[in-house]
Amino acid sequence: MCRISEFDGNSKMVECPSSENENSRLFEVAFDTVSATGARVSRIEIDGKVYWAKQIEEVKGRSRLFKSSPQCLFDKELAALENLRKRGASVPKVIGRATSFFLLEDAGRTLHSMWCQTGHDAYGRAHATEQAAIALSAMHHKGIAHGRPVARDICWDGVLIRFVDLENYAPALNCQSGFARDLLLFIHSILSHPVQDDAAVMTAINAYNQRDTIGVWDHARTMVRRYGWLEVFTRPLQLRKYPHALEFKSLPRLRSLFS
């Protein structure tokens, strides 16, 4: 039996066709799942192993005016995953692809889920965040910028950190300013969660800073000093009641950390 489920957690059990080719069996289940649910990202569990199927985004309405071709974005992300993995970046393994979707190995829980749950193990959350900072530094020292390393796109399986969702990856960002932007986005995304844990944030910052031999930290501080004053324009939004506008409420703290 195989379990298929949409990203929102809904799931059902289905009979899996017998086959000597495990990948063929997996792709048949994945194809049926993607076709049946229509979900952009679907979780597939087969023989106790978890995989994720990601299909081409269906862009509707006014979004078509602002987004690139869904097929181009799909091909770009798949190429980035395969290329960056060859370069030793912490990204999940691509199991294979079909015409409209590709399959990834499971990479564990997202940091976002850990920072959203007040009851989550504080030590485990802090350790995972520290490991994410170390993995981000390692990626930068390989000359690679993720493009948008936010908490929901960083996974931890208890052993390894993996960065997912590479739609924002671009070779043009593989430079000092791209690395600094990555670092700021990473810390800002952690600060923009219901759980507040300054010690865990500082541990992650120190872990990155101690390994920074290419001046990313100083470049990030320069960016904050140059553009941080724009934060004053978000102060009316910062007055919204909790838990709204956390991404704006966290900006003063971000400025303080990089001042």
C-alpha atoms as a PDB file:
ATOM      1  CA  MET A   1       0.000   0.000   0.000  1.00  0.00           C
ATOM      2  CA  CYS A   2       1.093   3.586  -0.685  1.00  0.00           C
ATOM      3  CA  ARG A   3       0.009   6.794   1.002  1.00  0.00           C
ATOM      4  CA  ILE A   4      -0.476   9.869  -1.145  1.00  0.00           C
ATOM      5  CA  SER A   5      -1.224  13.285   0.236  1.00  0.00           C
ATOM      6  CA  GLU A   6      -1.466  16.914  -0.732  1.00  0.00           C
ATOM      7  CA  PHE A   7       0.781  19.512   0.863  1.00  0.00           C
ATOM      8  CA  ASP A   8      -2.097  20.560   3.145  1.00  0.00           C
ATOM      9  CA  GLY A   9      -1.989  17.174   4.848  1.00  0.00           C
ATOM     10  CA  ASN A  10      -5.043  15.467   3.317  1.00  0.00           C
ATOM     11  CA  SER A  11      -4.176  11.886   2.487  1.00  0.00           C
ATOM     12  CA  LYS A  12      -5.550   8.546   1.342  1.00  0.00           C
ATOM     13  CA  MET A  13      -4.308   5.007   0.805  1.00  0.00           C
ATOM     14  CA  VAL A  14      -4.148   3.501  -2.685  1.00  0.00           C
ATOM     15  CA  GLU A  15      -3.118   0.166  -4.147  1.00  0.00           C
ATOM     16  CA  CYS A  16       0.291   0.357  -5.800  1.00  0.00           C
ATOM     17  CA  PRO A  17       0.826  -1.568  -9.045  1.00  0.00           C
ATOM     18  CA  SER A  18       3.288  -4.406  -8.685  1.00  0.00           C
ATOM     19  CA  SER A  19       6.526  -3.874 -10.592  1.00  0.00           C
ATOM     20  CA  GLU A  20      10.119  -4.988 -10.359  1.00  0.00           C
ATOM     21  CA  ASN A  21      11.186  -1.443 -11.201  1.00  0.00           C
ATOM     22  CA  GLU A  22      10.848   0.591  -8.014  1.00  0.00           C
ATOM     23  CA  ASN A  23      11.200   3.943  -9.788  1.00  0.00           C
ATOM     24  CA  SER A  24       8.545   2.965 -12.323  1.00  0.00           C
ATOM     25  CA  ARG A  25       6.198   2.112  -9.483  1.00  0.00           C
ATOM     26  CA  LEU A  26       7.001   5.358  -7.689  1.00  0.00           C
ATOM     27  CA  PHE A  27       6.410   7.469 -10.787  1.00  0.00           C
ATOM     28  CA  GLU A  28       3.128   5.745 -11.528  1.00  0.00           C
ATOM     29  CA  VAL A  29       1.880   6.591  -8.033  1.00  0.00           C
ATOM     30  CA  ALA A  30       3.258  10.126  -8.332  1.00  0.00           C
ATOM     31  CA  PHE A  31       1.539  10.654 -11.677  1.00  0.00           C
ATOM     32  CA  ASP A  32      -1.783   9.451 -10.275  1.00  0.00           C
ATOM     33  CA  THR A  33      -1.345  11.692  -7.228  1.00  0.00           C
ATOM     34  CA  VAL A  34      -0.529  14.835  -9.188  1.00  0.00           C
ATOM     35  CA  SER A  35      -3.375  14.171 -11.621  1.00  0.00           C
ATOM     36  CA  ALA A  36      -5.915  13.482  -8.874  1.00  0.00           C
ATOM     37  CA  THR A  37      -5.095  16.296  -6.449  1.00  0.00           C
ATOM     38  CA  GLY A  38      -3.863  19.055  -8.702  1.00  0.00           C
ATOM     39  CA  ALA A  39      -1.709  20.269  -5.788  1.00  0.00           C
ATOM     40  CA  ARG A  40       1.467  22.168  -6.639  1.00  0.00           C
ATOM     41  CA  VAL A  41       3.430  20.055  -4.141  1.00  0.00           C
ATOM     42  CA  SER A  42       2.314  16.568  -3.079  1.00  0.00           C
ATOM     43  CA  ARG A  43       3.711  14.231  -0.443  1.00  0.00           C
ATOM     44  CA  ILE A  44       4.037  10.576  -1.447  1.00  0.00           C
ATOM     45  CA  GLU A  45       4.784   7.782   0.989  1.00  0.00           C
ATOM     46  CA  ILE A  46       5.634   4.401  -0.465  1.00  0.00           C
ATOM     47  CA  ASP A  47       7.059   1.430   1.434  1.00  0.00           C
ATOM     48  CA  GLY A  48       7.857   3.694   4.385  1.00  0.00           C
ATOM     49  CA  LYS A  49       9.821   6.215   2.300  1.00  0.00           C
ATOM     50  CA  VAL A  50       8.659   9.780   1.687  1.00  0.00           C
ATOM     51  CA  TYR A  51       9.028  11.723  -1.539  1.00  0.00           C
ATOM     52  CA  TRP A  52       7.724  15.040  -2.820  1.00  0.00           C
ATOM     53  CA  ALA A  53       6.282  15.683  -6.263  1.00  0.00           C
ATOM     54  CA  LYS A  54       6.393  19.274  -7.485  1.00  0.00           C
ATOM     55  CA  GLN A  55       4.520  20.137 -10.632  1.00  0.00           C
ATOM     56  CA  ILE A  56       4.406  23.121 -12.951  1.00  0.00           C
ATOM     57  CA  GLU A  57       2.582  26.023 -11.341  1.00  0.00           C
ATOM     58  CA  GLU A  58      -0.796  26.918 -12.790  1.00  0.00           C
ATOM     59  CA  VAL A  59      -0.816  30.701 -13.060  1.00  0.00           C
ATOM     60  CA  LYS A  60      -4.238  32.342 -13.213  1.00  0.00           C
ATOM     61  CA  GLY A  61      -5.687  35.801 -13.615  1.00  0.00           C
ATOM     62  CA  ARG A  62      -3.552  38.868 -13.077  1.00  0.00           C
ATOM     63  CA  SER A  63      -0.623  36.741 -11.876  1.00  0.00           C
ATOM     64  CA  ARG A  64       0.109  36.022 -15.534  1.00  0.00           C
ATOM     65  CA  LEU A  65       1.155  39.650 -15.946  1.00  0.00           C
ATOM     66  CA  PHE A  66       3.839  39.451 -13.270  1.00  0.00           C
ATOM     67  CA  LYS A  67       5.167  35.886 -13.455  1.00  0.00           C
ATOM     68  CA  SER A  68       7.501  34.339 -15.963  1.00  0.00           C
ATOM     69  CA  SER A  69       6.476  31.326 -17.982  1.00  0.00           C
ATOM     70  CA  PRO A  70       5.581  28.505 -15.535  1.00  0.00           C
ATOM     71  CA  GLN A  71       7.361  26.007 -17.781  1.00  0.00           C
ATOM     72  CA  CYS A  72      10.517  28.143 -17.802  1.00  0.00           C
ATOM     73  CA  LEU A  73      10.432  28.487 -14.011  1.00  0.00           C
ATOM     74  CA  PHE A  74       9.926  24.733 -13.669  1.00  0.00           C
ATOM     75  CA  ASP A  75      12.863  23.925 -15.971  1.00  0.00           C
ATOM     76  CA  LYS A  76      15.013  26.564 -14.274  1.00  0.00           C
ATOM     77  CA  GLU A  77      14.427  25.167 -10.776  1.00  0.00           C
ATOM     78  CA  LEU A  78      15.062  21.593 -11.878  1.00  0.00           C
ATOM     79  CA  ALA A  79      18.305  22.611 -13.582  1.00  0.00           C
ATOM     80  CA  ALA A  80      19.356  24.540 -10.471  1.00  0.00           C
ATOM     81  CA  LEU A  81      18.699  21.558  -8.191  1.00  0.00           C
ATOM     82  CA  GLU A  82      20.738  19.215 -10.343  1.00  0.00           C
ATOM     83  CA  ASN A  83      23.567  21.701 -10.943  1.00  0.00           C
ATOM     84  CA  LEU A  84      23.926  22.830  -7.331  1.00  0.00           C
ATOM     85  CA  ARG A  85      23.878  19.281  -6.016  1.00  0.00           C
ATOM     86  CA  LYS A  86      26.788  18.448  -8.342  1.00  0.00           C
ATOM     87  CA  ARG A  87      28.618  21.438  -6.849  1.00  0.00           C
ATOM     88  CA  GLY A  88      28.135  20.099  -3.338  1.00  0.00           C
ATOM     89  CA  ALA A  89      25.347  22.432  -2.210  1.00  0.00           C
ATOM     90  CA  SER A  90      22.896  21.278   0.465  1.00  0.00           C
ATOM     91  CA  VAL A  91      19.881  20.634  -1.764  1.00  0.00           C
ATOM     92  CA  PRO A  92      17.656  17.548  -2.001  1.00  0.00           C
ATOM     93  CA  LYS A  93      18.322  14.811  -4.523  1.00  0.00           C
ATOM     94  CA  VAL A  94      16.162  14.801  -7.635  1.00  0.00           C
ATOM     95  CA  ILE A  95      14.797  11.270  -8.044  1.00  0.00           C
ATOM     96  CA  GLY A  96      13.649  11.991 -11.582  1.00  0.00           C
ATOM     97  CA  ARG A  97      11.253  14.010 -13.677  1.00  0.00           C
ATOM     98  CA  ALA A  98       8.201  13.582 -15.852  1.00  0.00           C
ATOM     99  CA  THR A  99       6.688  16.007 -18.339  1.00  0.00           C
ATOM    100  CA  SER A 100       4.798  18.038 -15.750  1.00  0.00           C
ATOM    101  CA  PHE A 101       6.520  17.287 -12.421  1.00  0.00           C
ATOM    102  CA  PHE A 102       9.742  16.208 -10.763  1.00  0.00           C
ATOM    103  CA  LEU A 103      10.310  14.041  -7.696  1.00  0.00           C
ATOM    104  CA  LEU A 104      12.526  14.927  -4.731  1.00  0.00           C
ATOM    105  CA  GLU A 105      13.728  12.921  -1.779  1.00  0.00           C
ATOM    106  CA  ASP A 106      12.255  13.966   1.566  1.00  0.00           C
ATOM    107  CA  ALA A 107      14.378  16.524   3.419  1.00  0.00           C
ATOM    108  CA  GLY A 108      12.640  16.591   6.808  1.00  0.00           C
ATOM    109  CA  ARG A 109      10.779  19.349   8.636  1.00  0.00           C
ATOM    110  CA  THR A 110      10.996  22.993   7.658  1.00  0.00           C
ATOM    111  CA  LEU A 111      12.454  25.552  10.051  1.00  0.00           C
ATOM    112  CA  HIS A 112       9.212  27.456   9.548  1.00  0.00           C
ATOM    113  CA  SER A 113       7.212  24.669  11.198  1.00  0.00           C
ATOM    114  CA  MET A 114       9.623  24.633  14.164  1.00  0.00           C
ATOM    115  CA  TRP A 115       9.439  28.401  14.673  1.00  0.00           C
ATOM    116  CA  CYS A 116       5.644  28.449  14.429  1.00  0.00           C
ATOM    117  CA  GLN A 117       5.067  25.967  17.248  1.00  0.00           C
ATOM    118  CA  THR A 118       5.535  27.383  20.730  1.00  0.00           C
ATOM    119  CA  GLY A 119       5.638  23.868  22.151  1.00  0.00           C
ATOM    120  CA  HIS A 120       8.472  22.694  19.905  1.00  0.00           C
ATOM    121  CA  ASP A 121      11.693  21.584  21.596  1.00  0.00           C
ATOM    122  CA  ALA A 122      13.673  24.816  22.059  1.00  0.00           C
ATOM    123  CA  TYR A 123      17.069  23.091  21.920  1.00  0.00           C
ATOM    124  CA  GLY A 124      16.130  21.190  18.764  1.00  0.00           C
ATOM    125  CA  ARG A 125      14.882  24.365  17.090  1.00  0.00           C
ATOM    126  CA  ALA A 126      18.032  26.304  18.037  1.00  0.00           C
ATOM    127  CA  HIS A 127      20.293  23.468  16.846  1.00  0.00           C
ATOM    128  CA  ALA A 128      18.498  23.168  13.500  1.00  0.00           C
ATOM    129  CA  THR A 129      18.708  26.936  12.970  1.00  0.00           C
ATOM    130  CA  GLU A 130      22.414  26.944  13.808  1.00  0.00           C
ATOM    131  CA  GLN A 131      22.997  24.115  11.325  1.00  0.00           C
ATOM    132  CA  ALA A 132      21.076  26.086   8.693  1.00  0.00           C
ATOM    133  CA  ALA A 133      23.387  29.079   9.231  1.00  0.00           C
ATOM    134  CA  ILE A 134      26.432  26.798   8.898  1.00  0.00           C
ATOM    135  CA  ALA A 135      25.035  25.229   5.708  1.00  0.00           C
ATOM    136  CA  LEU A 136      24.268  28.672   4.263  1.00  0.00           C
ATOM    137  CA  SER A 137      27.829  29.797   4.975  1.00  0.00           C
ATOM    138  CA  ALA A 138      29.194  26.655   3.315  1.00  0.00           C
ATOM    139  CA  MET A 139      27.044  27.333   0.252  1.00  0.00           C
ATOM    140  CA  HIS A 140      28.349  30.899   0.040  1.00  0.00           C
ATOM    141  CA  HIS A 141      31.942  29.716   0.328  1.00  0.00           C
ATOM    142  CA  LYS A 142      31.267  27.487  -2.686  1.00  0.00           C
ATOM    143  CA  GLY A 143      30.281  30.636  -4.584  1.00  0.00           C
ATOM    144  CA  ILE A 144      26.540  29.908  -4.525  1.00  0.00           C
ATOM    145  CA  ALA A 145      23.698  32.182  -3.422  1.00  0.00           C
ATOM    146  CA  HIS A 146      20.321  30.547  -2.794  1.00  0.00           C
ATOM    147  CA  GLY A 147      18.247  33.580  -3.742  1.00  0.00           C
ATOM    148  CA  ARG A 148      15.636  33.302  -0.994  1.00  0.00           C
ATOM    149  CA  PRO A 149      16.769  31.153   1.963  1.00  0.00           C
ATOM    150  CA  VAL A 150      13.729  31.728   4.166  1.00  0.00           C
ATOM    151  CA  ALA A 151      12.638  29.389   6.950  1.00  0.00           C
ATOM    152  CA  ARG A 152       9.894  27.692   4.952  1.00  0.00           C
ATOM    153  CA  ASP A 153      12.443  26.723   2.280  1.00  0.00           C
ATOM    154  CA  ILE A 154      15.002  25.199   4.655  1.00  0.00           C
ATOM    155  CA  CYS A 155      14.545  21.617   5.876  1.00  0.00           C
ATOM    156  CA  TRP A 156      16.174  19.635   8.691  1.00  0.00           C
ATOM    157  CA  ASP A 157      15.959  15.857   9.023  1.00  0.00           C
ATOM    158  CA  GLY A 158      17.912  15.660  12.261  1.00  0.00           C
ATOM    159  CA  VAL A 159      21.208  15.124  10.439  1.00  0.00           C
ATOM    160  CA  LEU A 160      21.333  17.329   7.359  1.00  0.00           C
ATOM    161  CA  ILE A 161      20.070  20.750   6.319  1.00  0.00           C
ATOM    162  CA  ARG A 162      18.701  21.027   2.798  1.00  0.00           C
ATOM    163  CA  PHE A 163      17.604  24.126   0.915  1.00  0.00           C
ATOM    164  CA  VAL A 164      14.514  23.710  -1.250  1.00  0.00           C
ATOM    165  CA  ASP A 165      12.473  25.866  -3.631  1.00  0.00           C
ATOM    166  CA  LEU A 166      15.184  27.271  -5.890  1.00  0.00           C
ATOM    167  CA  GLU A 167      12.886  29.291  -8.140  1.00  0.00           C
ATOM    168  CA  ASN A 168      14.753  32.447  -7.090  1.00  0.00           C
ATOM    169  CA  TYR A 169      18.199  31.034  -7.804  1.00  0.00           C
ATOM    170  CA  ALA A 170      20.111  32.994 -10.444  1.00  0.00           C
ATOM    171  CA  PRO A 171      23.826  32.804 -11.291  1.00  0.00           C
ATOM    172  CA  ALA A 172      23.908  36.621 -11.278  1.00  0.00           C
ATOM    173  CA  LEU A 173      23.344  36.492  -7.498  1.00  0.00           C
ATOM    174  CA  ASN A 174      26.485  34.406  -6.923  1.00  0.00           C
ATOM    175  CA  CYS A 175      28.423  37.402  -5.663  1.00  0.00           C
ATOM    176  CA  GLN A 176      29.123  39.312  -2.448  1.00  0.00           C
ATOM    177  CA  SER A 177      25.878  41.293  -2.528  1.00  0.00           C
ATOM    178  CA  GLY A 178      23.906  38.121  -3.291  1.00  0.00           C
ATOM    179  CA  PHE A 179      25.441  36.330  -0.297  1.00  0.00           C
ATOM    180  CA  ALA A 180      24.735  39.324   1.972  1.00  0.00           C
ATOM    181  CA  ARG A 181      21.151  39.450   0.725  1.00  0.00           C
ATOM    182  CA  ASP A 182      20.816  35.725   1.488  1.00  0.00           C
ATOM    183  CA  LEU A 183      22.050  36.254   5.041  1.00  0.00           C
ATOM    184  CA  LEU A 184      19.661  39.142   5.681  1.00  0.00           C
ATOM    185  CA  LEU A 185      16.690  37.223   4.260  1.00  0.00           C
ATOM    186  CA  PHE A 186      17.552  34.187   6.380  1.00  0.00           C
ATOM    187  CA  ILE A 187      17.788  36.096   9.671  1.00  0.00           C
ATOM    188  CA  HIS A 188      14.756  38.241   8.859  1.00  0.00           C
ATOM    189  CA  SER A 189      12.647  35.156   8.135  1.00  0.00           C
ATOM    190  CA  ILE A 190      13.593  33.629  11.501  1.00  0.00           C
ATOM    191  CA  LEU A 191      12.738  36.863  13.324  1.00  0.00           C
ATOM    192  CA  SER A 192       9.346  37.010  11.575  1.00  0.00           C
ATOM    193  CA  HIS A 193       7.806  34.106  13.492  1.00  0.00           C
ATOM    194  CA  PRO A 194       5.470  33.897  16.482  1.00  0.00           C
ATOM    195  CA  VAL A 195       8.177  32.219  18.577  1.00  0.00           C
ATOM    196  CA  GLN A 196      10.782  34.678  19.849  1.00  0.00           C
ATOM    197  CA  ASP A 197      14.097  33.136  20.870  1.00  0.00           C
ATOM    198  CA  ASP A 198      16.915  35.683  20.847  1.00  0.00           C
ATOM    199  CA  ALA A 199      19.459  33.146  22.082  1.00  0.00           C
ATOM    200  CA  ALA A 200      18.768  30.837  19.140  1.00  0.00           C
ATOM    201  CA  VAL A 201      19.000  33.740  16.689  1.00  0.00           C
ATOM    202  CA  MET A 202      22.332  34.873  18.133  1.00  0.00           C
ATOM    203  CA  THR A 203      23.677  31.313  18.026  1.00  0.00           C
ATOM    204  CA  ALA A 204      22.840  31.127  14.318  1.00  0.00           C
ATOM    205  CA  ILE A 205      24.380  34.543  13.628  1.00  0.00           C
ATOM    206  CA  ASN A 206      27.571  33.627  15.504  1.00  0.00           C
ATOM    207  CA  ALA A 207      27.782  30.299  13.665  1.00  0.00           C
ATOM    208  CA  TYR A 208      27.669  32.098  10.323  1.00  0.00           C
ATOM    209  CA  ASN A 209      29.951  34.939  11.411  1.00  0.00           C
ATOM    210  CA  GLN A 210      32.647  32.617  12.771  1.00  0.00           C
ATOM    211  CA  ARG A 211      32.889  30.870   9.398  1.00  0.00           C
ATOM    212  CA  ASP A 212      32.715  33.982   7.266  1.00  0.00           C
ATOM    213  CA  THR A 213      36.111  34.408   5.636  1.00  0.00           C
ATOM    214  CA  ILE A 214      34.852  36.289   2.567  1.00  0.00           C
ATOM    215  CA  GLY A 215      33.380  39.409   4.171  1.00  0.00           C
ATOM    216  CA  VAL A 216      29.671  38.627   3.808  1.00  0.00           C
ATOM    217  CA  TRP A 217      28.812  39.829   7.320  1.00  0.00           C
ATOM    218  CA  ASP A 218      30.434  43.223   6.757  1.00  0.00           C
ATOM    219  CA  HIS A 219      28.704  43.567   3.397  1.00  0.00           C
ATOM    220  CA  ALA A 220      25.333  42.786   5.006  1.00  0.00           C
ATOM    221  CA  ARG A 221      25.962  45.447   7.660  1.00  0.00           C
ATOM    222  CA  THR A 222      26.772  47.949   4.934  1.00  0.00           C
ATOM    223  CA  MET A 223      23.506  47.131   3.165  1.00  0.00           C
ATOM    224  CA  VAL A 224      21.528  47.646   6.374  1.00  0.00           C
ATOM    225  CA  ARG A 225      23.254  50.957   7.103  1.00  0.00           C
ATOM    226  CA  ARG A 226      22.564  52.114   3.561  1.00  0.00           C
ATOM    227  CA  TYR A 227      18.931  51.039   3.244  1.00  0.00           C
ATOM    228  CA  GLY A 228      17.796  50.335   6.808  1.00  0.00           C
ATOM    229  CA  TRP A 229      16.310  53.822   7.194  1.00  0.00           C
ATOM    230  CA  LEU A 230      13.492  52.708   4.873  1.00  0.00           C
ATOM    231  CA  GLU A 231      12.173  50.733   7.857  1.00  0.00           C
ATOM    232  CA  VAL A 232      10.569  53.948   9.194  1.00  0.00           C
ATOM    233  CA  PHE A 233       7.991  53.787   6.399  1.00  0.00           C
ATOM    234  CA  THR A 234       6.752  50.432   7.702  1.00  0.00           C
ATOM    235  CA  ARG A 235       6.067  51.662  11.247  1.00  0.00           C
ATOM    236  CA  PRO A 236       2.324  52.185  10.703  1.00  0.00           C
ATOM    237  CA  LEU A 237       2.152  48.512   9.654  1.00  0.00           C
ATOM    238  CA  GLN A 238       4.195  47.509  12.708  1.00  0.00           C
ATOM    239  CA  LEU A 239       1.329  48.833  14.867  1.00  0.00           C
ATOM    240  CA  ARG A 240      -1.040  46.140  13.653  1.00  0.00           C
ATOM    241  CA  LYS A 241      -2.174  43.704  16.330  1.00  0.00           C
ATOM    242  CA  TYR A 242      -0.233  40.491  16.896  1.00  0.00           C
ATOM    243  CA  PRO A 243       0.176  38.158  15.041  1.00  0.00           C
ATOM    244  CA  HIS A 244      -0.259  40.348  11.960  1.00  0.00           C
ATOM    245  CA  ALA A 245       2.599  42.054  10.103  1.00  0.00           C
ATOM    246  CA  LEU A 246       5.348  40.046  11.816  1.00  0.00           C
ATOM    247  CA  GLU A 247       7.598  40.593   8.799  1.00  0.00           C
ATOM    248  CA  PHE A 248       7.414  44.342   9.489  1.00  0.00           C
ATOM    249  CA  LYS A 249       7.539  44.107  13.268  1.00  0.00           C
ATOM    250  CA  SER A 250      10.862  42.244  12.956  1.00  0.00           C
ATOM    251  CA  LEU A 251      12.606  44.965  10.926  1.00  0.00           C
ATOM    252  CA  PRO A 252      13.809  47.096  13.928  1.00  0.00           C
ATOM    253  CA  ARG A 253      15.354  43.961  15.448  1.00  0.00           C
ATOM    254  CA  LEU A 254      17.073  43.158  12.154  1.00  0.00           C
ATOM    255  CA  ARG A 255      18.506  46.667  11.959  1.00  0.00           C
ATOM    256  CA  SER A 256      19.764  46.361  15.507  1.00  0.00           C
ATOM    257  CA  LEU A 257      21.484  43.027  14.897  1.00  0.00           C
ATOM    258  CA  PHE A 258      23.334  44.327  11.829  1.00  0.00           C
ATOM    259  CA  SER A 259      24.104  47.820  13.110  1.00  0.00           C
END
